[in-house]
Protein backbone atom coordinates (compact mmCIF):
# COMPACT_ATOMS: atom_id res chain seq x y z
CA MET A 1 -3.05 11.77 -1.42
CA GLU A 2 -5.82 9.55 -0.17
CA LEU A 3 -7.13 8.39 3.22
CA ILE A 4 -9.53 5.45 3.26
CA GLY A 5 -10.89 2.96 5.82
CA THR A 6 -12.67 2.98 9.16
CA ARG A 7 -11.56 2.11 12.61
CA SER A 8 -13.48 -0.70 14.32
CA ARG A 9 -11.87 -2.72 17.01
CA ARG A 10 -13.40 -3.78 20.26
CA THR A 11 -12.06 -3.31 23.76
CA HIS A 12 -12.93 -6.24 26.02
CA ILE A 13 -13.72 -5.40 29.65
CA ARG A 14 -14.19 -7.76 32.56
CA ARG A 15 -16.73 -6.92 35.23
CA GLY A 16 -15.56 -7.17 38.83
CA LEU A 17 -15.21 -5.28 42.08
CA LEU A 18 -12.95 -2.36 41.22
CA ALA A 19 -11.17 -4.59 38.68
CA VAL A 20 -10.95 -3.82 35.02
CA ALA A 21 -8.95 -5.88 32.54
CA VAL A 22 -8.62 -4.70 28.98
CA ALA A 23 -7.81 -6.92 26.03
CA VAL A 24 -7.59 -5.57 22.51
CA GLY A 25 -7.67 -7.67 19.35
CA ALA A 26 -9.33 -10.68 17.89
CA GLY A 27 -6.41 -13.03 18.37
CA LEU A 28 -6.53 -13.39 22.15
CA ALA A 29 -5.26 -16.79 23.16
CA ALA A 30 -6.80 -16.52 26.63
CA GLY A 31 -10.42 -15.44 26.95
CA VAL A 32 -11.67 -12.47 28.91
CA SER A 33 -15.17 -12.17 30.29
CA GLY A 34 -17.66 -9.88 31.88
CA ALA A 35 -20.39 -7.38 31.03
CA SER A 36 -19.90 -3.65 30.86
CA ALA A 37 -21.19 -0.58 29.14
CA SER A 38 -18.87 -1.29 26.21
CA SER A 39 -19.71 -4.97 25.75
CA PRO A 40 -22.56 -6.09 23.48
CA CYS A 41 -24.09 -8.27 26.22
CA GLY A 42 -26.57 -5.86 27.76
CA SER A 43 -26.66 -5.43 31.53
CA THR A 44 -26.51 -9.06 32.65
CA GLY A 45 -24.76 -11.04 29.92
CA ASP A 46 -21.23 -12.29 30.54
CA TYR A 47 -18.85 -11.41 27.71
CA SER A 48 -15.86 -13.59 26.89
CA THR A 49 -13.49 -14.25 24.02
CA SER A 50 -11.48 -17.26 22.95
CA GLY A 51 -9.29 -16.80 19.93
CA THR A 52 -11.43 -15.16 17.26
CA THR A 53 -14.74 -16.17 18.87
CA ALA A 54 -16.69 -13.91 21.22
CA THR A 55 -19.60 -15.02 23.41
CA CYS A 56 -22.38 -13.41 25.41
CA ALA A 57 -23.74 -15.81 28.05
CA TYR A 58 -27.07 -14.86 29.64
CA THR A 59 -27.69 -16.99 32.71
CA SER A 60 -29.91 -14.80 34.89
CA ALA A 61 -33.24 -16.60 34.71
CA GLY A 62 -36.47 -14.70 34.43
CA ILE A 63 -35.23 -11.55 32.69
CA GLU A 64 -35.12 -9.90 29.28
CA ASP A 65 -31.85 -8.32 28.18
CA THR A 66 -30.35 -6.99 24.98
CA PHE A 67 -27.64 -8.06 22.55
CA SER A 68 -25.99 -5.34 20.47
CA VAL A 69 -25.06 -6.85 17.12
CA PRO A 70 -21.38 -6.06 16.47
CA THR A 71 -20.64 -4.23 13.25
CA GLY A 72 -20.03 -6.63 10.40
CA VAL A 73 -21.62 -9.66 12.11
CA THR A 74 -24.28 -11.32 9.95
CA SER A 75 -24.56 -14.78 11.55
CA LEU A 76 -24.71 -16.01 15.14
CA SER A 77 -24.27 -19.33 16.90
CA VAL A 78 -27.00 -19.59 19.54
CA THR A 79 -27.67 -22.13 22.28
CA ALA A 80 -30.87 -21.59 24.24
CA VAL A 81 -32.20 -23.69 27.12
CA GLY A 82 -35.82 -23.35 28.18
CA ALA A 83 -36.77 -23.42 31.85
CA SER A 84 -38.24 -26.38 33.65
CA GLY A 85 -41.70 -26.39 35.09
CA GLY A 86 -42.42 -26.11 38.81
CA THR A 87 -42.73 -29.13 41.10
CA GLY A 88 -46.01 -30.29 42.47
CA ALA A 89 -46.72 -29.75 46.14
CA LEU A 90 -46.44 -33.42 47.11
CA GLU A 91 -43.43 -35.66 46.90
CA GLY A 92 -42.60 -37.16 43.56
CA ASP A 93 -44.31 -34.85 41.11
CA LEU A 94 -41.32 -33.80 39.05
CA PRO A 95 -41.53 -30.93 36.58
CA GLY A 96 -40.96 -31.31 32.88
CA ALA A 97 -37.57 -30.23 31.56
CA GLY A 98 -37.07 -27.44 29.05
CA ALA A 99 -35.71 -27.80 25.53
CA VAL A 100 -32.17 -27.21 24.32
CA VAL A 101 -32.09 -25.47 20.95
CA VAL A 102 -28.80 -25.05 19.07
CA ASN A 103 -28.41 -23.07 15.87
CA THR A 104 -24.84 -22.56 14.69
CA GLY A 105 -25.77 -20.28 11.79
CA LEU A 106 -28.69 -18.09 12.85
CA PRO A 107 -28.86 -15.18 10.36
CA VAL A 108 -28.99 -11.66 11.75
CA PRO A 109 -31.94 -9.83 10.20
CA PRO A 110 -30.71 -7.18 7.73
CA GLY A 111 -30.30 -3.83 9.43
CA ALA A 112 -30.75 -5.21 12.95
CA SER A 113 -28.47 -3.51 15.47
CA THR A 114 -30.10 -4.81 18.66
CA LEU A 115 -31.71 -8.13 19.52
CA TRP A 116 -33.60 -8.98 22.68
CA VAL A 117 -32.81 -12.03 24.78
CA ASP A 118 -35.31 -13.74 27.09
CA VAL A 119 -33.98 -16.24 29.63
CA GLY A 120 -36.88 -18.35 30.78
CA GLY A 121 -37.73 -18.56 34.45
CA PRO A 122 -38.73 -21.87 36.08
CA GLY A 123 -42.33 -22.43 36.93
CA GLY A 124 -43.38 -21.79 40.50
CA GLY A 125 -43.58 -24.81 42.80
CA GLY A 126 -46.84 -26.01 44.29
CA VAL A 127 -47.64 -25.65 47.99
CA ILE A 128 -50.21 -27.06 50.45
CA THR A 129 -52.25 -24.26 51.99
CA CYS A 130 -55.51 -23.76 53.86
CA PRO A 131 -58.18 -22.68 53.37
CA ASN A 132 -57.35 -21.91 49.75
CA ALA A 133 -54.57 -23.17 47.54
CA VAL A 134 -52.13 -20.56 46.27
CA GLN A 135 -51.63 -20.35 42.53
CA ALA A 136 -48.12 -21.34 41.39
CA PRO A 137 -46.97 -18.77 38.82
CA GLY A 138 -45.74 -19.66 35.39
CA GLY A 139 -42.11 -18.89 34.66
CA PHE A 140 -41.10 -15.73 32.81
CA PRO A 141 -42.00 -14.87 30.12
CA ASP A 142 -44.74 -17.24 29.00
CA GLY A 143 -45.14 -20.23 31.32
CA GLY A 144 -48.72 -21.06 32.25
CA PRO A 145 -49.71 -20.77 35.96
CA SER A 146 -51.34 -23.53 37.95
CA GLY A 147 -54.90 -23.29 39.08
CA SER A 148 -55.80 -22.20 42.62
CA SER A 149 -58.66 -24.19 44.12
CA PRO A 150 -60.55 -23.68 47.38
CA GLY A 151 -60.00 -26.06 50.24
CA CYS A 152 -56.98 -27.45 52.07
CA GLU A 153 -55.47 -28.97 49.01
CA THR A 154 -52.34 -29.00 46.96
CA THR A 155 -51.13 -26.71 44.25
CA ASP A 156 -49.59 -28.15 41.14
CA GLY A 157 -46.54 -26.55 39.53
CA GLY A 158 -46.51 -23.68 37.06
CA GLY A 159 -45.13 -24.14 33.54
CA GLY A 160 -41.56 -23.16 32.72
CA GLY A 161 -40.83 -20.11 30.61
CA SER A 162 -39.19 -20.24 27.22
CA SER A 163 -35.78 -18.82 26.35
CA ALA A 164 -35.75 -16.87 23.11
CA VAL A 165 -34.01 -14.36 20.85
CA LEU A 166 -36.28 -11.64 19.47
CA THR A 167 -36.09 -8.69 17.09
CA GLU A 168 -37.90 -6.42 19.53
CA PRO A 169 -38.88 -6.37 23.22
CA ARG A 170 -41.44 -9.05 24.05
CA ALA A 171 -43.89 -6.46 25.37
CA THR A 172 -43.76 -4.71 22.01
CA ALA A 173 -44.20 -7.99 20.17
CA VAL A 174 -47.23 -8.84 22.30
CA SER A 175 -48.72 -5.38 21.76
CA ASN A 176 -48.18 -5.63 18.00
CA GLY A 177 -49.53 -9.17 17.73
CA GLN A 178 -46.15 -10.52 16.62
CA LEU A 179 -46.08 -13.77 18.61
CA THR A 180 -47.79 -15.83 15.95
CA GLY A 181 -45.85 -19.07 15.61
CA ASN A 182 -45.13 -18.16 11.98
CA PRO A 183 -41.57 -17.01 11.15
CA ALA A 184 -42.88 -14.62 8.52
CA THR A 185 -44.67 -12.57 11.17
CA ASP A 186 -43.21 -13.67 14.52
CA ALA A 187 -40.69 -11.41 16.28
CA ARG A 188 -38.90 -14.43 17.75
CA LEU A 189 -35.89 -15.71 15.81
CA LEU A 190 -35.35 -18.82 17.96
CA VAL A 191 -37.25 -20.37 20.88
CA ALA A 192 -36.38 -23.07 23.41
CA GLY A 193 -39.61 -24.25 24.98
CA GLY A 194 -40.27 -24.61 28.71
CA GLY A 195 -41.31 -27.77 30.54
CA GLY A 196 -44.75 -28.41 31.95
CA GLY A 197 -45.52 -28.07 35.66
CA GLY A 198 -45.61 -31.17 37.84
CA GLY A 199 -48.91 -32.49 39.17
CA GLY A 200 -50.07 -32.64 42.76
CA GLY A 201 -50.06 -36.36 43.42
CA THR A 202 -47.82 -38.77 45.30
CA PRO A 203 -45.81 -41.77 44.12
CA SER A 204 -48.67 -44.01 45.23
CA MET A 205 -51.45 -41.94 43.69
CA PHE A 206 -51.46 -39.77 40.65
CA PHE A 207 -47.72 -39.65 40.16
CA VAL A 208 -47.74 -37.16 37.29
CA PRO A 209 -44.46 -35.58 36.20
CA GLY A 210 -44.69 -32.65 33.82
CA GLY A 211 -44.20 -33.02 30.09
CA SER A 212 -40.69 -32.15 28.90
CA ALA A 213 -40.02 -29.92 25.92
CA GLY A 214 -37.56 -30.76 23.17
CA ASP A 215 -38.73 -34.26 22.19
CA SER A 216 -37.55 -34.71 18.61
CA THR A 217 -40.26 -37.31 17.96
CA VAL A 218 -43.11 -34.96 18.85
CA THR A 219 -44.85 -32.53 16.53
CA GLY A 220 -46.05 -29.38 18.25
CA ALA A 221 -46.71 -28.64 21.90
CA GLY A 222 -47.77 -31.24 24.45
CA ALA A 223 -51.26 -31.44 25.91
CA GLY A 224 -52.00 -31.07 29.60
CA GLY A 225 -52.61 -34.29 31.52
CA CYS A 226 -55.45 -35.35 33.76
CA SER A 227 -54.12 -37.53 36.56
CA ALA A 228 -51.41 -38.48 34.08
CA GLN A 229 -48.16 -37.12 32.73
CA GLY A 230 -48.44 -34.06 30.52
CA GLY A 231 -47.57 -34.47 26.86
CA PRO A 232 -43.99 -33.77 25.76
CA GLY A 233 -43.34 -30.76 23.55
CA GLY A 234 -41.26 -31.00 20.39
CA VAL A 235 -41.10 -28.99 17.21
CA GLY A 236 -43.55 -28.95 14.37
CA PRO A 237 -44.46 -26.92 11.34
CA THR A 238 -43.28 -23.33 11.50
CA ASP A 239 -46.13 -21.78 9.57
CA GLY A 240 -48.39 -21.41 12.59
CA SER A 241 -50.22 -24.66 11.95
CA ASP A 242 -48.71 -26.70 14.79
CA GLY A 243 -50.74 -24.86 17.45
CA GLY A 244 -50.65 -25.00 21.23
CA GLY A 245 -51.08 -28.06 23.37
CA ALA A 246 -54.62 -28.97 24.39
CA GLY A 247 -55.87 -28.60 27.95
CA GLY A 248 -56.36 -31.57 30.27
CA CYS A 249 -59.23 -34.03 29.91
CA GLY A 250 -61.52 -32.33 32.42
CA LEU A 251 -61.58 -35.01 35.11
CA GLY A 252 -63.61 -33.82 38.08
CA THR A 253 -65.73 -30.73 38.51
CA SER A 254 -63.95 -27.62 37.34
CA SER A 255 -65.25 -24.14 37.88
CA THR A 256 -62.48 -23.05 35.48
CA PRO A 257 -61.27 -25.77 33.10
CA SER A 258 -57.63 -25.97 32.14
CA ALA A 259 -56.58 -23.85 29.19
CA PRO A 260 -54.87 -24.92 25.99
CA GLY A 261 -51.53 -23.41 25.06
CA THR A 262 -51.39 -20.59 22.55
CA ALA A 263 -48.68 -19.06 20.40
CA ALA A 264 -45.93 -18.45 22.98
CA THR A 265 -47.94 -18.95 26.17
CA GLY A 266 -48.53 -22.09 28.18
CA GLY A 267 -52.05 -22.95 29.24
CA GLU A 268 -53.28 -22.31 32.79
CA GLY A 269 -54.18 -25.22 35.05
CA SER A 270 -57.78 -25.81 36.06
CA ILE A 271 -59.50 -24.59 39.20
CA ASN A 272 -61.54 -27.45 40.67
CA ASP A 273 -64.40 -27.07 43.09
CA PRO A 274 -65.56 -29.69 45.62
CA PRO A 275 -66.63 -32.46 45.73
CA ARG A 276 -63.35 -33.16 43.88
CA GLY A 277 -61.46 -31.86 46.87
CA GLY A 278 -60.34 -28.63 45.29
CA ASP A 279 -57.26 -30.06 43.61
CA ASP A 280 -56.14 -27.79 40.79
CA GLY A 281 -54.15 -28.38 37.61
CA ALA A 282 -50.58 -27.62 36.53
CA GLY A 283 -49.53 -24.98 34.02
CA GLY A 284 -48.15 -25.71 30.57
CA GLY A 285 -44.69 -24.64 29.45
CA GLY A 286 -44.24 -21.54 27.32
CA GLY A 287 -42.59 -21.76 23.90
CA TRP A 288 -43.04 -21.38 20.15
CA PHE A 289 -46.46 -22.75 21.03
CA GLY A 290 -47.29 -23.28 24.68
CA GLY A 291 -48.13 -26.61 26.27
CA GLY A 292 -51.63 -27.19 27.58
CA GLY A 293 -52.64 -26.73 31.22
CA SER A 294 -53.85 -29.77 33.17
CA ASP A 295 -56.90 -30.75 35.17
CA PHE A 296 -57.13 -32.30 38.66
CA GLU A 297 -53.56 -33.00 39.70
CA GLY A 298 -52.51 -33.74 36.16
CA SER A 299 -49.30 -32.22 34.89
CA GLY A 300 -48.73 -29.48 32.33
CA GLY A 301 -47.70 -30.16 28.75
CA GLY A 302 -44.27 -29.21 27.42
CA ALA A 303 -43.99 -26.42 24.86
CA SER A 304 -42.82 -26.69 21.29
CA SER A 305 -39.58 -25.04 20.16
CA TYR A 306 -38.33 -23.29 17.04
CA GLY A 307 -34.76 -23.72 15.80
CA GLY A 308 -34.78 -20.61 13.63
CA ALA A 309 -33.55 -19.94 10.12
CA GLY A 310 -30.19 -20.97 8.71
CA PRO A 311 -28.72 -24.26 7.48
CA SER A 312 -30.70 -27.20 8.87
CA SER A 313 -27.46 -29.11 9.47
CA GLY A 314 -26.59 -26.59 12.19
CA ILE A 315 -29.91 -26.83 14.05
CA SER A 316 -30.81 -29.31 16.77
CA ILE A 317 -33.59 -29.51 19.37
CA THR A 318 -33.24 -31.84 22.34
CA THR A 319 -34.48 -32.14 25.91
CA ALA A 320 -32.45 -30.58 28.70
CA SER A 321 -31.24 -32.67 31.60
CA SER A 322 -33.01 -32.35 34.93
CA SER A 323 -30.10 -30.30 36.30
CA GLN A 324 -29.71 -27.98 33.30
CA ALA A 325 -30.64 -24.38 34.05
CA SER A 326 -32.18 -22.03 31.55
CA GLU A 327 -29.82 -19.78 29.62
CA VAL A 328 -29.05 -18.22 26.25
CA GLU A 329 -25.54 -18.20 24.82
CA ILE A 330 -24.74 -16.18 21.70
CA SER A 331 -21.38 -16.57 19.95
CA TRP A 332 -19.93 -15.04 16.83
CA THR A 333 -16.69 -14.70 14.95
CA ILE A 334 -15.08 -11.41 15.87
CA PRO A 335 -14.96 -9.30 12.71
CA LYS A 336 -11.50 -8.29 11.64
CA ALA A 337 -10.61 -4.67 12.23
CA THR A 338 -10.65 -2.28 9.29
CA PRO A 339 -7.53 -0.15 9.32
CA LEU A 340 -6.93 3.14 7.55
CA ILE A 341 -4.74 3.38 4.46
CA SER A 342 -3.32 6.69 3.29
CA THR A 343 -1.32 6.95 0.08
CA GLN A 344 0.99 9.45 -1.61
CA GLN A 345 2.35 9.43 -5.17
CA GLU A 346 6.04 10.22 -5.49
CA PRO A 347 5.74 12.39 -7.59
CA ALA A 348 2.29 13.36 -8.87
CA SER A 349 3.62 14.24 -12.34
CA ALA A 350 6.48 12.83 -14.40
CA THR A 351 7.91 12.49 -17.87
CA VAL A 352 8.29 9.36 -19.93
CA GLY A 353 11.42 7.51 -18.90
CA SER A 354 11.63 9.00 -15.39
CA ALA A 355 11.04 6.85 -12.31
CA ILE A 356 7.95 7.18 -10.13
CA ALA A 357 6.99 5.43 -6.87
CA ASP A 358 4.23 5.39 -4.26
CA LYS A 359 4.07 5.33 -0.46
CA ALA A 360 1.28 3.77 1.64
CA SER A 361 0.74 4.25 5.37
CA VAL A 362 -1.54 1.89 7.31
CA SER A 363 -2.89 2.91 10.71
CA GLY A 364 -5.70 2.12 13.14
CA GLY A 365 -7.18 -1.36 13.09
CA ASP A 366 -5.61 -3.98 15.32
CA SER A 367 -1.83 -3.47 15.06
CA PRO A 368 -1.73 -4.22 11.32
CA THR A 369 1.17 -6.23 9.91
CA GLY A 370 1.81 -7.89 6.57
CA THR A 371 2.26 -6.42 3.11
CA VAL A 372 1.07 -3.71 0.77
CA THR A 373 0.59 -4.41 -2.93
CA PHE A 374 1.14 -1.48 -5.30
CA ASN A 375 -0.45 -1.46 -8.77
CA VAL A 376 -0.28 1.06 -11.60
CA TYR A 377 -3.17 1.22 -14.10
CA ASN A 378 -3.68 3.26 -17.22
CA ASN A 379 -7.29 4.04 -16.28
CA SER A 380 -9.13 5.52 -13.28
CA ASN A 381 -11.27 2.38 -12.76
CA GLY A 382 -8.36 0.12 -11.87
CA THR A 383 -9.35 -2.39 -14.55
CA GLY A 384 -7.32 -4.50 -16.89
CA THR A 385 -3.79 -5.80 -16.44
CA PRO A 386 -1.69 -3.50 -14.25
CA LEU A 387 1.20 -1.72 -15.94
CA PHE A 388 3.25 -2.46 -12.83
CA THR A 389 2.85 -4.56 -9.68
CA ASP A 390 4.99 -4.65 -6.57
CA THR A 391 4.46 -6.06 -3.06
CA GLU A 392 6.40 -4.68 -0.11
CA ASN A 393 6.45 -5.48 3.60
CA LEU A 394 4.72 -3.11 5.98
CA VAL A 395 7.41 -1.73 8.29
CA GLY A 396 6.54 0.70 11.06
CA GLY A 397 3.10 1.19 9.54
CA SER A 398 4.29 2.17 6.04
CA ALA A 399 5.64 0.73 2.81
CA THR A 400 7.14 2.26 -0.34
CA SER A 401 6.98 0.66 -3.75
CA LYS A 402 9.90 -0.03 -6.01
CA SER A 403 10.26 2.51 -8.80
CA TYR A 404 8.33 2.25 -12.04
CA THR A 405 9.28 3.91 -15.33
CA PRO A 406 6.33 5.08 -17.45
CA THR A 407 6.78 4.34 -21.14
CA ALA A 408 3.76 6.18 -22.51
CA ALA A 409 2.28 9.64 -22.17
CA GLY A 410 -1.07 10.02 -20.45
CA THR A 411 -2.36 9.59 -16.90
CA ASP A 412 -1.44 6.58 -14.82
CA TYR A 413 -3.09 5.69 -11.49
CA TRP A 414 -1.59 4.13 -8.38
CA VAL A 415 -3.93 1.74 -6.53
CA ASP A 416 -2.58 0.42 -3.23
CA THR A 417 -3.93 -2.53 -1.25
CA TYR A 418 -3.06 -3.37 2.33
CA ASP A 419 -3.32 -7.16 2.12
CA GLY A 420 -4.59 -7.71 5.68
CA ASP A 421 -3.55 -10.18 8.36
CA SER A 422 -5.23 -12.46 10.91
CA ASN A 423 -6.69 -9.49 12.79
CA ASN A 424 -7.21 -6.91 10.05
CA GLN A 425 -9.20 -6.80 6.85
CA ALA A 426 -7.61 -5.93 3.55
CA VAL A 427 -8.29 -2.37 2.46
CA THR A 428 -7.70 -0.77 -0.94
CA SER A 429 -7.30 2.86 -1.90
CA ALA A 430 -9.74 4.41 -4.35
CA THR A 431 -8.83 3.70 -7.95
CA ASN A 432 -8.92 7.37 -9.00
CA ALA A 433 -7.23 8.87 -5.95
CA GLU A 434 -3.61 8.93 -7.14
CA PRO A 435 -3.24 10.09 -10.71
CA VAL A 436 0.24 10.66 -12.16
CA LYS A 437 0.34 12.92 -15.20
CA VAL A 438 2.96 11.55 -17.61
CA THR A 439 4.25 13.77 -20.43
CA VAL A 440 6.89 13.31 -23.12
CA THR A 441 9.75 15.74 -23.90
CA PRO A 442 12.82 15.34 -26.12
CA ALA A 443 14.96 14.86 -23.01
CA SER A 444 12.61 12.29 -21.47
CA LEU A 445 12.42 10.37 -24.75
CA CYS A 446 16.23 10.14 -24.83
CA LEU A 447 16.17 8.99 -21.21
CA LEU A 448 13.66 6.25 -22.06
CA THR A 449 15.79 5.17 -25.04
CA GLY A 450 18.78 4.72 -22.75
CA ARG A 451 16.72 2.82 -20.16
CA TYR A 452 15.49 0.41 -22.82
CA VAL A 453 18.99 -0.29 -24.09
CA GLU A 454 20.62 -0.54 -20.66
CA GLY A 455 17.92 -2.90 -19.49
CA SER A 456 18.54 -5.42 -22.26
CA ALA A 457 20.24 -8.75 -21.53
CA LYS A 458 22.72 -8.04 -24.34
CA PHE A 459 23.85 -4.79 -22.70
CA GLN A 460 24.04 -6.37 -19.23
CA ALA A 461 26.39 -9.03 -20.55
CA LEU A 462 28.97 -6.48 -21.77
CA PRO A 463 32.01 -5.45 -19.74
CA PRO A 464 31.89 -1.83 -18.44
CA ALA A 465 34.17 -0.43 -21.15
CA GLN A 466 31.98 -1.75 -23.95
CA GLN A 467 28.83 -0.61 -22.11
CA ARG A 468 30.17 2.94 -22.22
CA LEU A 469 30.63 2.66 -26.00
CA ILE A 470 26.99 1.63 -26.45
CA GLU A 471 25.86 4.45 -24.16
CA ALA A 472 27.75 6.89 -26.39
CA LEU A 473 26.00 5.41 -29.43
CA VAL A 474 22.61 6.01 -27.78
CA THR A 475 23.57 9.59 -26.92
CA ALA A 476 24.56 10.24 -30.50
CA GLY A 477 21.32 8.78 -31.80
CA CYS A 478 19.32 11.06 -29.50
CA GLN A 479 21.18 14.21 -30.53
CA PRO A 480 18.56 15.18 -33.17
CA LEU A 481 15.89 15.30 -30.44
CA ASN A 482 18.00 17.64 -28.34
CA ASN A 483 17.99 20.11 -31.23
CA ILE A 484 14.20 20.41 -31.31
CA THR A 485 13.01 23.83 -30.12
CA ALA A 486 9.78 25.79 -30.39
CA ARG A 487 11.33 28.11 -32.98
CA LEU A 488 11.72 25.36 -35.57
CA THR A 489 9.29 24.97 -38.42
CA PRO A 490 7.23 21.77 -38.55
CA LYS A 491 9.34 20.63 -41.49
CA GLN A 492 12.57 21.13 -39.53
CA THR A 493 11.15 19.30 -36.51
CA ALA A 494 10.01 16.41 -38.73
CA ALA A 495 13.52 16.10 -40.19
CA LEU A 496 15.06 15.85 -36.72
CA ILE A 497 12.48 13.24 -35.68
CA ALA A 498 13.24 11.25 -38.85
CA ALA A 499 16.96 11.30 -37.97
CA TYR A 500 16.07 9.97 -34.47
CA ASP A 501 13.87 7.25 -35.99
CA THR A 502 16.79 6.14 -38.16
CA ALA A 503 18.97 5.79 -35.05
CA VAL A 504 16.22 3.79 -33.30
CA ASN A 505 15.91 1.46 -36.29
CA ARG A 506 19.67 0.91 -36.21
CA LEU A 507 19.58 0.05 -32.47
CA ALA A 508 16.75 -2.40 -33.08
CA ALA A 509 18.50 -4.02 -36.03
CA THR A 510 21.59 -4.64 -33.93
CA GLY A 511 19.61 -6.15 -31.04
CA TRP A 512 19.81 -3.32 -28.52
CA LEU A 513 16.06 -2.66 -28.72
CA THR A 514 13.14 -5.01 -29.17
CA PRO A 515 10.71 -4.34 -32.04
CA GLY A 516 8.05 -3.28 -29.53
CA GLN A 517 10.39 -0.85 -27.80
CA ALA A 518 11.45 0.65 -31.13
CA SER A 519 7.82 1.07 -32.19
CA ASN A 520 6.92 2.78 -28.89
CA LEU A 521 9.89 5.19 -29.12
CA LYS A 522 9.00 6.25 -32.65
CA ALA A 523 5.35 6.76 -31.68
CA LEU A 524 6.38 8.99 -28.78
CA ALA A 525 8.74 10.94 -31.07
CA ALA A 526 5.93 11.56 -33.54
CA ALA A 527 3.92 13.23 -30.72
CA LEU A 528 6.64 15.81 -30.00
């Protein structure tokens, strides 16, 4: 008897006030959603299913969460939207939009059980304050902040944060120096860059919207502007050579010039001293490489993005719309359940010519249906052409094969396969788990002789009365075998076997046995 397989089926739970809905199985026609302790979507992701596709949607901006890779999942479909930059303090200075990165075949790193998900936060908006401007923060996790200049002046916007999927927490990646902009060493699997912060001008003077990420015509991250729009961020080489966007041009007197973007982080805007009026610069967006910070009411540059590994046909990088919020959505095909299969030979030992069968029981999984295929092999590796094959429907979780009659002494092996269905994987018993010891005796050899004859088309065509005459002929031919005992001398036993062989030859000559059957019967008789 053998038991093989593992149980792995997910229970889907919907988050809500005192409401729990459970849905089991991959073939749900209507989706369920929510996050719970049993879902793979961390603490904030919304879990849903539609048919055989499951999705974790992370829409809470400015946080890092986790994604637990379901067992058996090796590829993910990911859509990530980077955050926009912050608006400038005065009317008209729009922020740059984030990038939209889609990868429909992102490989899961071998052995990874948990991934980390960053949802970029928008850059902080600029304000007008006295006596000192207040710095607008960059968006989580890597947007560059604006400058903060003295005087009753405006603050430009901070850069938007990127949205990303990582192999470890961002803090760990930073500590280990694993935000490099090179896939061979970077902990980020995919990055949607953030937009640059808006400048601090007005429509009539220095109207400077931030640079948007996701421009397919741009290589690398955008530079910060100086009294002009920040450069758009796109995507460039992924070997670390694309670099961050440059800082602004340095217009005016800056006690702290704007900073260029780096791997991951957007550049900080400048801090400008009088006599330039104290106007500061906007922050660059964070991304694969960050956009540059700007000088003197210029806007921040957009970040570059990284589409990740996988087939290039499934990867796209575009610019988000002005109303599109940052998010990360991870989808995958729900793995089929793996049921258990237990098997039992009926019986475990037999003689040549007697019937044997096998029973398989399938349990666990996701309400398995379908068929079980039974095979008999003459070796413990389950190789070669089966001696016998039969497929039976699974009824009430079990199936029993039709009978098989062994025609040779030795050890045969049952190998059973549950053939699977739309929700369950196929599972096969071990090839050496169900041996059947087959021996030959005089009685079993006579039984096999009769089965051969009665199974012939010639015998089947006879009326019952004539069939009985042929059966009597077979019985008479087998009589010498019935006289074999342990007390006989080898010579006496050989004479009885020779008499049986003569009867077999006669049956073959008259068409009741095939040549192959006659040869097999005589070989078995010689082994008695």
